[in-house]
């Protein structure tokens, strides 16, 4: 069993054996809960599912989708501008 100390800023350092067992690395997020009898529990925060992000940026796009022809035209137009800028 490991122990740790709370700093004056309310921070703790997780012992290396705990970090290793949970495969934690810098930047990982943890869920903190208090169980029965005041037992503190830490668990790796679950990453949101990709499906949860579906439609998240929909409000930034056009109300209608571009056709393949429109996309190809836009790509060609951008390539011409980029090529012309290099020649200047």
PDB file of N, CA and C in Angstrom:
ATOM      1  N   UNK A   1       0.841  -1.178   0.000  1.00  0.00           N
ATOM      2  CA  UNK A   1       0.000   0.000   0.000  1.00  0.00           C
ATOM      3  C   UNK A   1       0.882   1.235   0.000  1.00  0.00           C
ATOM      4  N   UNK A   2       0.503   2.241  -0.796  1.00  0.00           N
ATOM      5  CA  UNK A   2       1.260   3.483  -0.914  1.00  0.00           C
ATOM      6  C   UNK A   2       0.543   4.601  -0.187  1.00  0.00           C
ATOM      7  N   UNK A   3       1.289   5.638   0.112  1.00  0.00           N
ATOM      8  CA  UNK A   3       0.670   6.820   0.712  1.00  0.00           C
ATOM      9  C   UNK A   3       1.189   8.056  -0.013  1.00  0.00           C
ATOM     10  N   UNK A   4       0.466   9.134   0.139  1.00  0.00           N
ATOM     11  CA  UNK A   4       0.844  10.401  -0.486  1.00  0.00           C
ATOM     12  C   UNK A   4       0.414  11.527   0.438  1.00  0.00           C
ATOM     13  N   UNK A   5       0.892  12.726   0.159  1.00  0.00           N
ATOM     14  CA  UNK A   5       0.604  13.888   0.994  1.00  0.00           C
ATOM     15  C   UNK A   5      -0.104  14.954   0.165  1.00  0.00           C
ATOM     16  N   UNK A   6      -1.027  15.650   0.777  1.00  0.00           N
ATOM     17  CA  UNK A   6      -1.716  16.754   0.102  1.00  0.00           C
ATOM     18  C   UNK A   6      -0.889  18.014   0.296  1.00  0.00           C
ATOM     19  N   UNK A   7      -0.636  18.732  -0.808  1.00  0.00           N
ATOM     20  CA  UNK A   7       0.147  19.971  -0.733  1.00  0.00           C
ATOM     21  C   UNK A   7      -0.738  21.116  -0.252  1.00  0.00           C
ATOM     22  N   UNK A   8      -0.125  22.276  -0.018  1.00  0.00           N
ATOM     23  CA  UNK A   8      -0.881  23.453   0.415  1.00  0.00           C
ATOM     24  C   UNK A   8      -1.865  23.915  -0.663  1.00  0.00           C
ATOM     25  N   UNK A   9      -1.639  23.502  -1.908  1.00  0.00           N
ATOM     26  CA  UNK A   9      -2.544  23.850  -3.010  1.00  0.00           C
ATOM     27  C   UNK A   9      -3.618  22.788  -3.225  1.00  0.00           C
ATOM     28  N   UNK A  10      -3.647  21.766  -2.371  1.00  0.00           N
ATOM     29  CA  UNK A  10      -4.649  20.719  -2.491  1.00  0.00           C
ATOM     30  C   UNK A  10      -4.301  19.666  -3.533  1.00  0.00           C
ATOM     31  N   UNK A  11      -3.052  19.597  -3.945  1.00  0.00           N
ATOM     32  CA  UNK A  11      -2.629  18.635  -4.961  1.00  0.00           C
ATOM     33  C   UNK A  11      -2.002  17.410  -4.315  1.00  0.00           C
ATOM     34  N   UNK A  12      -2.093  16.290  -5.034  1.00  0.00           N
ATOM     35  CA  UNK A  12      -1.429  15.070  -4.579  1.00  0.00           C
ATOM     36  C   UNK A  12      -0.614  14.502  -5.733  1.00  0.00           C
ATOM     37  N   UNK A  13       0.373  13.708  -5.400  1.00  0.00           N
ATOM     38  CA  UNK A  13       1.139  12.985  -6.401  1.00  0.00           C
ATOM     39  C   UNK A  13       0.765  11.521  -6.280  1.00  0.00           C
ATOM     40  N   UNK A  14       0.336  10.944  -7.391  1.00  0.00           N
ATOM     41  CA  UNK A  14       0.024   9.518  -7.371  1.00  0.00           C
ATOM     42  C   UNK A  14       1.327   8.738  -7.377  1.00  0.00           C
ATOM     43  N   UNK A  15       1.456   7.779  -6.504  1.00  0.00           N
ATOM     44  CA  UNK A  15       2.674   6.974  -6.483  1.00  0.00           C
ATOM     45  C   UNK A  15       2.893   6.267  -7.822  1.00  0.00           C
ATOM     46  N   UNK A  16       4.151   6.044  -8.157  1.00  0.00           N
ATOM     47  CA  UNK A  16       4.514   5.445  -9.428  1.00  0.00           C
ATOM     48  C   UNK A  16       3.831   4.107  -9.650  1.00  0.00           C
ATOM     49  N   UNK A  17       3.741   3.287  -8.613  1.00  0.00           N
ATOM     50  CA  UNK A  17       3.117   1.970  -8.793  1.00  0.00           C
ATOM     51  C   UNK A  17       1.646   2.091  -9.186  1.00  0.00           C
ATOM     52  N   UNK A  18       0.959   3.135  -8.699  1.00  0.00           N
ATOM     53  CA  UNK A  18      -0.442   3.372  -9.072  1.00  0.00           C
ATOM     54  C   UNK A  18      -0.512   3.838 -10.522  1.00  0.00           C
ATOM     55  N   UNK A  19       0.351   4.788 -10.897  1.00  0.00           N
ATOM     56  CA  UNK A  19       0.378   5.279 -12.281  1.00  0.00           C
ATOM     57  C   UNK A  19       0.686   4.151 -13.245  1.00  0.00           C
ATOM     58  N   UNK A  20       1.632   3.297 -12.874  1.00  0.00           N
ATOM     59  CA  UNK A  20       1.993   2.172 -13.737  1.00  0.00           C
ATOM     60  C   UNK A  20       0.837   1.177 -13.878  1.00  0.00           C
ATOM     61  N   UNK A  21       0.186   0.872 -12.769  1.00  0.00           N
ATOM     62  CA  UNK A  21      -0.905  -0.114 -12.807  1.00  0.00           C
ATOM     63  C   UNK A  21      -2.064   0.364 -13.668  1.00  0.00           C
ATOM     64  N   UNK A  22      -2.334   1.671 -13.632  1.00  0.00           N
ATOM     65  CA  UNK A  22      -3.418   2.240 -14.441  1.00  0.00           C
ATOM     66  C   UNK A  22      -2.938   2.700 -15.817  1.00  0.00           C
ATOM     67  N   UNK A  23      -1.647   2.545 -16.088  1.00  0.00           N
ATOM     68  CA  UNK A  23      -1.040   2.983 -17.353  1.00  0.00           C
ATOM     69  C   UNK A  23      -1.329   4.460 -17.606  1.00  0.00           C
ATOM     70  N   UNK A  24      -1.165   5.279 -16.566  1.00  0.00           N
ATOM     71  CA  UNK A  24      -1.418   6.710 -16.678  1.00  0.00           C
ATOM     72  C   UNK A  24      -0.179   7.427 -17.189  1.00  0.00           C
ATOM     73  N   UNK A  25      -0.429   8.463 -17.977  1.00  0.00           N
ATOM     74  CA  UNK A  25       0.672   9.297 -18.453  1.00  0.00           C
ATOM     75  C   UNK A  25       0.264  10.753 -18.317  1.00  0.00           C
ATOM     76  N   UNK A  26       1.202  11.637 -18.518  1.00  0.00           N
ATOM     77  CA  UNK A  26       0.944  13.070 -18.372  1.00  0.00           C
ATOM     78  C   UNK A  26      -0.215  13.487 -19.274  1.00  0.00           C
ATOM     79  N   UNK A  27      -1.137  14.250 -18.715  1.00  0.00           N
ATOM     80  CA  UNK A  27      -2.276  14.751 -19.474  1.00  0.00           C
ATOM     81  C   UNK A  27      -3.522  13.881 -19.377  1.00  0.00           C
ATOM     82  N   UNK A  28      -3.389  12.644 -18.877  1.00  0.00           N
ATOM     83  CA  UNK A  28      -4.560  11.781 -18.713  1.00  0.00           C
ATOM     84  C   UNK A  28      -5.498  12.400 -17.681  1.00  0.00           C
ATOM     85  N   UNK A  29      -6.771  12.151 -17.854  1.00  0.00           N
ATOM     86  CA  UNK A  29      -7.764  12.690 -16.936  1.00  0.00           C
ATOM     87  C   UNK A  29      -8.347  11.552 -16.104  1.00  0.00           C
ATOM     88  N   UNK A  30      -8.651  11.858 -14.847  1.00  0.00           N
ATOM     89  CA  UNK A  30      -9.187  10.871 -13.917  1.00  0.00           C
ATOM     90  C   UNK A  30     -10.541  11.331 -13.385  1.00  0.00           C
ATOM     91  N   UNK A  31     -11.428  10.371 -13.166  1.00  0.00           N
ATOM     92  CA  UNK A  31     -12.690  10.647 -12.482  1.00  0.00           C
ATOM     93  C   UNK A  31     -12.459  10.382 -11.003  1.00  0.00           C
ATOM     94  N   UNK A  32     -12.899  11.291 -10.167  1.00  0.00           N
ATOM     95  CA  UNK A  32     -12.729  11.155  -8.722  1.00  0.00           C
ATOM     96  C   UNK A  32     -14.113  11.047  -8.097  1.00  0.00           C
ATOM     97  N   UNK A  33     -14.327   9.979  -7.327  1.00  0.00           N
ATOM     98  CA  UNK A  33     -15.594   9.816  -6.622  1.00  0.00           C
ATOM     99  C   UNK A  33     -15.307   9.412  -5.182  1.00  0.00           C
ATOM    100  N   UNK A  34     -16.259   9.715  -4.325  1.00  0.00           N
ATOM    101  CA  UNK A  34     -16.139   9.322  -2.917  1.00  0.00           C
ATOM    102  C   UNK A  34     -17.175   8.239  -2.679  1.00  0.00           C
ATOM    103  N   UNK A  35     -16.701   7.072  -2.284  1.00  0.00           N
ATOM    104  CA  UNK A  35     -17.573   5.928  -2.036  1.00  0.00           C
ATOM    105  C   UNK A  35     -18.051   5.883  -0.602  1.00  0.00           C
ATOM    106  N   UNK A  36     -18.601   4.752  -0.273  1.00  0.00           N
ATOM    107  CA  UNK A  36     -19.082   4.559   1.100  1.00  0.00           C
ATOM    108  C   UNK A  36     -17.929   4.675   2.087  1.00  0.00           C
ATOM    109  N   UNK A  37     -18.237   5.129   3.255  1.00  0.00           N
ATOM    110  CA  UNK A  37     -17.262   5.273   4.340  1.00  0.00           C
ATOM    111  C   UNK A  37     -16.107   6.198   3.966  1.00  0.00           C
ATOM    112  N   UNK A  38     -16.353   7.134   3.043  1.00  0.00           N
ATOM    113  CA  UNK A  38     -15.331   8.115   2.682  1.00  0.00           C
ATOM    114  C   UNK A  38     -14.175   7.565   1.866  1.00  0.00           C
ATOM    115  N   UNK A  39     -14.355   6.446   1.188  1.00  0.00           N
ATOM    116  CA  UNK A  39     -13.296   5.867   0.362  1.00  0.00           C
ATOM    117  C   UNK A  39     -13.203   6.661  -0.936  1.00  0.00           C
ATOM    118  N   UNK A  40     -12.017   7.174  -1.219  1.00  0.00           N
ATOM    119  CA  UNK A  40     -11.776   7.939  -2.441  1.00  0.00           C
ATOM    120  C   UNK A  40     -11.445   6.973  -3.567  1.00  0.00           C
ATOM    121  N   UNK A  41     -12.145   7.119  -4.694  1.00  0.00           N
ATOM    122  CA  UNK A  41     -11.907   6.227  -5.832  1.00  0.00           C
ATOM    123  C   UNK A  41     -11.497   7.040  -7.052  1.00  0.00           C
ATOM    124  N   UNK A  42     -10.465   6.570  -7.732  1.00  0.00           N
ATOM    125  CA  UNK A  42      -9.983   7.192  -8.964  1.00  0.00           C
ATOM    126  C   UNK A  42     -10.150   6.203 -10.094  1.00  0.00           C
ATOM    127  N   UNK A  43     -10.579   6.687 -11.247  1.00  0.00           N
ATOM    128  CA  UNK A  43     -10.698   5.844 -12.437  1.00  0.00           C
ATOM    129  C   UNK A  43     -10.332   6.683 -13.646  1.00  0.00           C
ATOM    130  N   UNK A  44      -9.767   6.022 -14.637  1.00  0.00           N
ATOM    131  CA  UNK A  44      -9.432   6.728 -15.884  1.00  0.00           C
ATOM    132  C   UNK A  44     -10.728   7.249 -16.495  1.00  0.00           C
ATOM    133  N   UNK A  45     -10.719   8.522 -16.892  1.00  0.00           N
ATOM    134  CA  UNK A  45     -11.891   9.107 -17.522  1.00  0.00           C
ATOM    135  C   UNK A  45     -12.064   8.467 -18.892  1.00  0.00           C
ATOM    136  N   UNK A  46     -13.255   8.041 -19.199  1.00  0.00           N
ATOM    137  CA  UNK A  46     -13.523   7.386 -20.472  1.00  0.00           C
ATOM    138  C   UNK A  46     -13.579   8.416 -21.592  1.00  0.00           C
ATOM    139  N   UNK A  47     -12.940   8.097 -22.708  1.00  0.00           N
ATOM    140  CA  UNK A  47     -12.970   8.984 -23.866  1.00  0.00           C
ATOM    141  C   UNK A  47     -14.367   8.932 -24.486  1.00  0.00           C
ATOM    142  N   UNK A  48     -14.854  10.062 -24.970  1.00  0.00           N
ATOM    143  CA  UNK A  48     -16.173  10.039 -25.596  1.00  0.00           C
ATOM    144  C   UNK A  48     -16.138   9.195 -26.866  1.00  0.00           C
ATOM    145  N   UNK A  49     -17.226   8.525 -27.141  1.00  0.00           N
ATOM    146  CA  UNK A  49     -17.314   7.699 -28.349  1.00  0.00           C
ATOM    147  C   UNK A  49     -17.334   8.604 -29.578  1.00  0.00           C
ATOM    148  N   UNK A  50     -16.806   8.108 -30.662  1.00  0.00           N
ATOM    149  CA  UNK A  50     -16.787   8.875 -31.913  1.00  0.00           C
ATOM    150  C   UNK A  50     -18.202   9.229 -32.326  1.00  0.00           C
ATOM    151  N   UNK A  51     -19.124   8.341 -32.087  1.00  0.00           N
ATOM    152  CA  UNK A  51     -20.515   8.600 -32.467  1.00  0.00           C
ATOM    153  C   UNK A  51     -21.087   9.818 -31.738  1.00  0.00           C
ATOM    154  N   UNK A  52     -20.562  10.133 -30.551  1.00  0.00           N
ATOM    155  CA  UNK A  52     -21.043  11.293 -29.803  1.00  0.00           C
ATOM    156  C   UNK A  52     -20.703  12.598 -30.510  1.00  0.00           C
ATOM    157  N   UNK A  53     -19.680  12.591 -31.355  1.00  0.00           N
ATOM    158  CA  UNK A  53     -19.247  13.803 -32.042  1.00  0.00           C
ATOM    159  C   UNK A  53     -20.002  14.036 -33.347  1.00  0.00           C
ATOM    160  N   UNK A  54     -20.798  13.066 -33.792  1.00  0.00           N
ATOM    161  CA  UNK A  54     -21.505  13.195 -35.055  1.00  0.00           C
ATOM    162  C   UNK A  54     -22.409  14.423 -35.035  1.00  0.00           C
ATOM    163  N   UNK A  55     -22.264  15.270 -36.037  1.00  0.00           N
ATOM    164  CA  UNK A  55     -23.095  16.461 -36.176  1.00  0.00           C
ATOM    165  C   UNK A  55     -22.674  17.621 -35.304  1.00  0.00           C
ATOM    166  N   UNK A  56     -21.582  17.486 -34.576  1.00  0.00           N
ATOM    167  CA  UNK A  56     -21.143  18.519 -33.642  1.00  0.00           C
ATOM    168  C   UNK A  56     -20.860  19.844 -34.339  1.00  0.00           C
ATOM    169  N   UNK A  57     -20.277  19.789 -35.534  1.00  0.00           N
ATOM    170  CA  UNK A  57     -19.914  21.008 -36.261  1.00  0.00           C
ATOM    171  C   UNK A  57     -20.870  21.310 -37.410  1.00  0.00           C
ATOM    172  N   UNK A  58     -21.991  20.659 -37.425  1.00  0.00           N
ATOM    173  CA  UNK A  58     -22.947  20.805 -38.512  1.00  0.00           C
ATOM    174  C   UNK A  58     -23.388  22.256 -38.694  1.00  0.00           C
ATOM    175  N   UNK A  59     -23.485  22.997 -37.617  1.00  0.00           N
ATOM    176  CA  UNK A  59     -23.934  24.383 -37.695  1.00  0.00           C
ATOM    177  C   UNK A  59     -22.945  25.286 -38.432  1.00  0.00           C
ATOM    178  N   UNK A  60     -21.719  24.827 -38.634  1.00  0.00           N
ATOM    179  CA  UNK A  60     -20.712  25.628 -39.330  1.00  0.00           C
ATOM    180  C   UNK A  60     -20.775  25.457 -40.844  1.00  0.00           C
ATOM    181  N   UNK A  61     -21.425  24.418 -41.296  1.00  0.00           N
ATOM    182  CA  UNK A  61     -21.462  24.116 -42.721  1.00  0.00           C
ATOM    183  C   UNK A  61     -22.655  24.739 -43.417  1.00  0.00           C
ATOM    184  N   UNK A  62     -22.691  24.505 -44.723  1.00  0.00           N
ATOM    185  CA  UNK A  62     -23.824  24.980 -45.516  1.00  0.00           C
ATOM    186  C   UNK A  62     -25.055  24.171 -45.144  1.00  0.00           C
ATOM    187  N   UNK A  63     -26.212  24.715 -45.479  1.00  0.00           N
ATOM    188  CA  UNK A  63     -27.438  23.987 -45.183  1.00  0.00           C
ATOM    189  C   UNK A  63     -27.617  22.813 -46.153  1.00  0.00           C
ATOM    190  N   UNK A  64     -26.973  22.894 -47.329  1.00  0.00           N
ATOM    191  CA  UNK A  64     -27.030  21.763 -48.255  1.00  0.00           C
ATOM    192  C   UNK A  64     -25.614  21.256 -48.484  1.00  0.00           C
ATOM    193  N   UNK A  65     -25.508  20.007 -48.832  1.00  0.00           N
ATOM    194  CA  UNK A  65     -24.198  19.415 -49.061  1.00  0.00           C
ATOM    195  C   UNK A  65     -23.723  19.724 -50.471  1.00  0.00           C
ATOM    196  N   UNK A  66     -22.401  19.849 -50.619  1.00  0.00           N
ATOM    197  CA  UNK A  66     -21.822  20.110 -51.931  1.00  0.00           C
ATOM    198  C   UNK A  66     -21.786  18.816 -52.729  1.00  0.00           C
ATOM    199  N   UNK A  67     -21.973  18.958 -54.036  1.00  0.00           N
ATOM    200  CA  UNK A  67     -21.891  17.790 -54.900  1.00  0.00           C
ATOM    201  C   UNK A  67     -20.422  17.471 -55.163  1.00  0.00           C
ATOM    202  N   UNK A  68     -20.177  16.291 -55.707  1.00  0.00           N
ATOM    203  CA  UNK A  68     -18.811  15.889 -56.041  1.00  0.00           C
ATOM    204  C   UNK A  68     -18.240  16.862 -57.066  1.00  0.00           C
ATOM    205  N   UNK A  69     -19.033  17.267 -58.029  1.00  0.00           N
ATOM    206  CA  UNK A  69     -18.588  18.228 -59.054  1.00  0.00           C
ATOM    207  C   UNK A  69     -18.157  19.549 -58.400  1.00  0.00           C
ATOM    208  N   UNK A  70     -18.949  20.038 -57.446  1.00  0.00           N
ATOM    209  CA  UNK A  70     -18.606  21.290 -56.766  1.00  0.00           C
ATOM    210  C   UNK A  70     -17.312  21.152 -55.968  1.00  0.00           C
ATOM    211  N   UNK A  71     -17.132  19.999 -55.331  1.00  0.00           N
ATOM    212  CA  UNK A  71     -15.901  19.785 -54.566  1.00  0.00           C
ATOM    213  C   UNK A  71     -14.688  19.745 -55.483  1.00  0.00           C
ATOM    214  N   UNK A  72     -14.802  19.031 -56.611  1.00  0.00           N
ATOM    215  CA  UNK A  72     -13.687  18.959 -57.560  1.00  0.00           C
ATOM    216  C   UNK A  72     -13.350  20.344 -58.104  1.00  0.00           C
ATOM    217  N   UNK A  73     -14.363  21.125 -58.435  1.00  0.00           N
ATOM    218  CA  UNK A  73     -14.150  22.482 -58.941  1.00  0.00           C
ATOM    219  C   UNK A  73     -13.437  23.335 -57.905  1.00  0.00           C
ATOM    220  N   UNK A  74     -13.836  23.224 -56.655  1.00  0.00           N
ATOM    221  CA  UNK A  74     -13.211  23.999 -55.583  1.00  0.00           C
ATOM    222  C   UNK A  74     -11.752  23.596 -55.390  1.00  0.00           C
ATOM    223  N   UNK A  75     -11.464  22.307 -55.472  1.00  0.00           N
ATOM    224  CA  UNK A  75     -10.084  21.831 -55.310  1.00  0.00           C
ATOM    225  C   UNK A  75      -9.217  22.340 -56.458  1.00  0.00           C
ATOM    226  N   UNK A  76      -9.733  22.246 -57.679  1.00  0.00           N
ATOM    227  CA  UNK A  76      -8.966  22.744 -58.842  1.00  0.00           C
ATOM    228  C   UNK A  76      -8.709  24.242 -58.734  1.00  0.00           C
ATOM    229  N   UNK A  77      -9.720  24.989 -58.325  1.00  0.00           N
ATOM    230  CA  UNK A  77      -9.594  26.444 -58.184  1.00  0.00           C
ATOM    231  C   UNK A  77      -8.512  26.791 -57.160  1.00  0.00           C
ATOM    232  N   UNK A  78      -8.536  26.089 -56.029  1.00  0.00           N
ATOM    233  CA  UNK A  78      -7.529  26.330 -54.983  1.00  0.00           C
ATOM    234  C   UNK A  78      -6.133  25.966 -55.473  1.00  0.00           C
ATOM    235  N   UNK A  79      -6.025  24.857 -56.214  1.00  0.00           N
ATOM    236  CA  UNK A  79      -4.723  24.434 -56.737  1.00  0.00           C
ATOM    237  C   UNK A  79      -4.181  25.477 -57.715  1.00  0.00           C
ATOM    238  N   UNK A  80      -5.054  26.023 -58.566  1.00  0.00           N
ATOM    239  CA  UNK A  80      -4.604  27.064 -59.524  1.00  0.00           C
ATOM    240  C   UNK A  80      -4.097  28.292 -58.785  1.00  0.00           C
ATOM    241  N   UNK A  81      -4.836  28.727 -57.748  1.00  0.00           N
ATOM    242  CA  UNK A  81      -4.395  29.904 -56.971  1.00  0.00           C
ATOM    243  C   UNK A  81      -3.069  29.640 -56.287  1.00  0.00           C
ATOM    244  N   UNK A  82      -2.928  28.468 -55.711  1.00  0.00           N
ATOM    245  CA  UNK A  82      -1.696  28.120 -55.012  1.00  0.00           C
ATOM    246  C   UNK A  82      -0.520  28.069 -55.984  1.00  0.00           C
ATOM    247  N   UNK A  83      -0.745  27.481 -57.144  1.00  0.00           N
ATOM    248  CA  UNK A  83       0.301  27.383 -58.176  1.00  0.00           C
ATOM    249  C   UNK A  83       0.675  28.773 -58.687  1.00  0.00           C
ATOM    250  N   UNK A  84      -0.330  29.619 -58.899  1.00  0.00           N
ATOM    251  CA  UNK A  84      -0.080  30.980 -59.392  1.00  0.00           C
ATOM    252  C   UNK A  84       0.697  31.793 -58.365  1.00  0.00           C
ATOM    253  N   UNK A  85       0.427  31.586 -57.090  1.00  0.00           N
ATOM    254  CA  UNK A  85       1.122  32.326 -56.025  1.00  0.00           C
ATOM    255  C   UNK A  85       2.600  31.934 -55.968  1.00  0.00           C
ATOM    256  N   UNK A  86       2.916  30.704 -56.272  1.00  0.00           N
ATOM    257  CA  UNK A  86       4.317  30.254 -56.267  1.00  0.00           C
ATOM    258  C   UNK A  86       5.093  30.861 -57.419  1.00  0.00           C
ATOM    259  N   UNK A  87       4.427  31.096 -58.541  1.00  0.00           N
ATOM    260  CA  UNK A  87       5.095  31.667 -59.716  1.00  0.00           C
ATOM    261  C   UNK A  87       5.444  33.137 -59.498  1.00  0.00           C
ATOM    262  N   UNK A  88       4.677  33.824 -58.680  1.00  0.00           N
ATOM    263  CA  UNK A  88       4.888  35.273 -58.451  1.00  0.00           C
ATOM    264  C   UNK A  88       6.105  35.545 -57.642  1.00  0.00           C
TER     265      UNK A  88
END
